[in-house]
Amino acid sequence: MTRFIPAPAPATPVIHWTCPAYDVIDGRRDRRGILSLRAGNELAMTTREDRRNTFMISSVASYALEYNECPVEAYNRAKERGHALHFIFALATVISDHRPARKSYIGVRIGEPVYFEGRYFLITAESNWNLGLKAVTEAEAEAAAAALAAGAAA
């Protein structure tokens, strides 16, 4: 398995699009173009047309660590019960009379390869405008990154 080696970060983040409440920026990528994510990263679609929700990526192990539980026991219990071990969930939207601090979300696309907690995944479309993770091999992630780069260049 190739270790994640980040590409040099740009001086300022690349902004895919912006709205009054937040910006959707490009995340940290390796030299192959694979996006690196950590538990708790907040995500949004990279194009305004795909704007549906904001999301967060997490896993059973990272959730257990956050709440001072044993990640190995939590992982084994979830696997035994057939639960997803890595997941993306939609964040709640709040309508309020005060303006919150401006946020930035990492932009993602359907079919985009990501490196998360030592594994490679593709971002998938799920029902009700949700996002999911499909485990793939490193070679499949590299091929998906090359295909997305070729599509963006065209």
Foldseek 3Di string as FASTA:
>chain_A
DDDAAWDDDDPDWAFLDDDPAETATAAIHGPLQAHEDEFQAKEAASDPVLGDFIKTKHFQLRVCVVVVHHSVVSQVVCVVVVHGGIWMDGDDDDDDDDRDDHYYHYHDHQQQWHQYPNFIWGWHADPPRGITTDTDHPVSNSVSSVVVVVVVVD
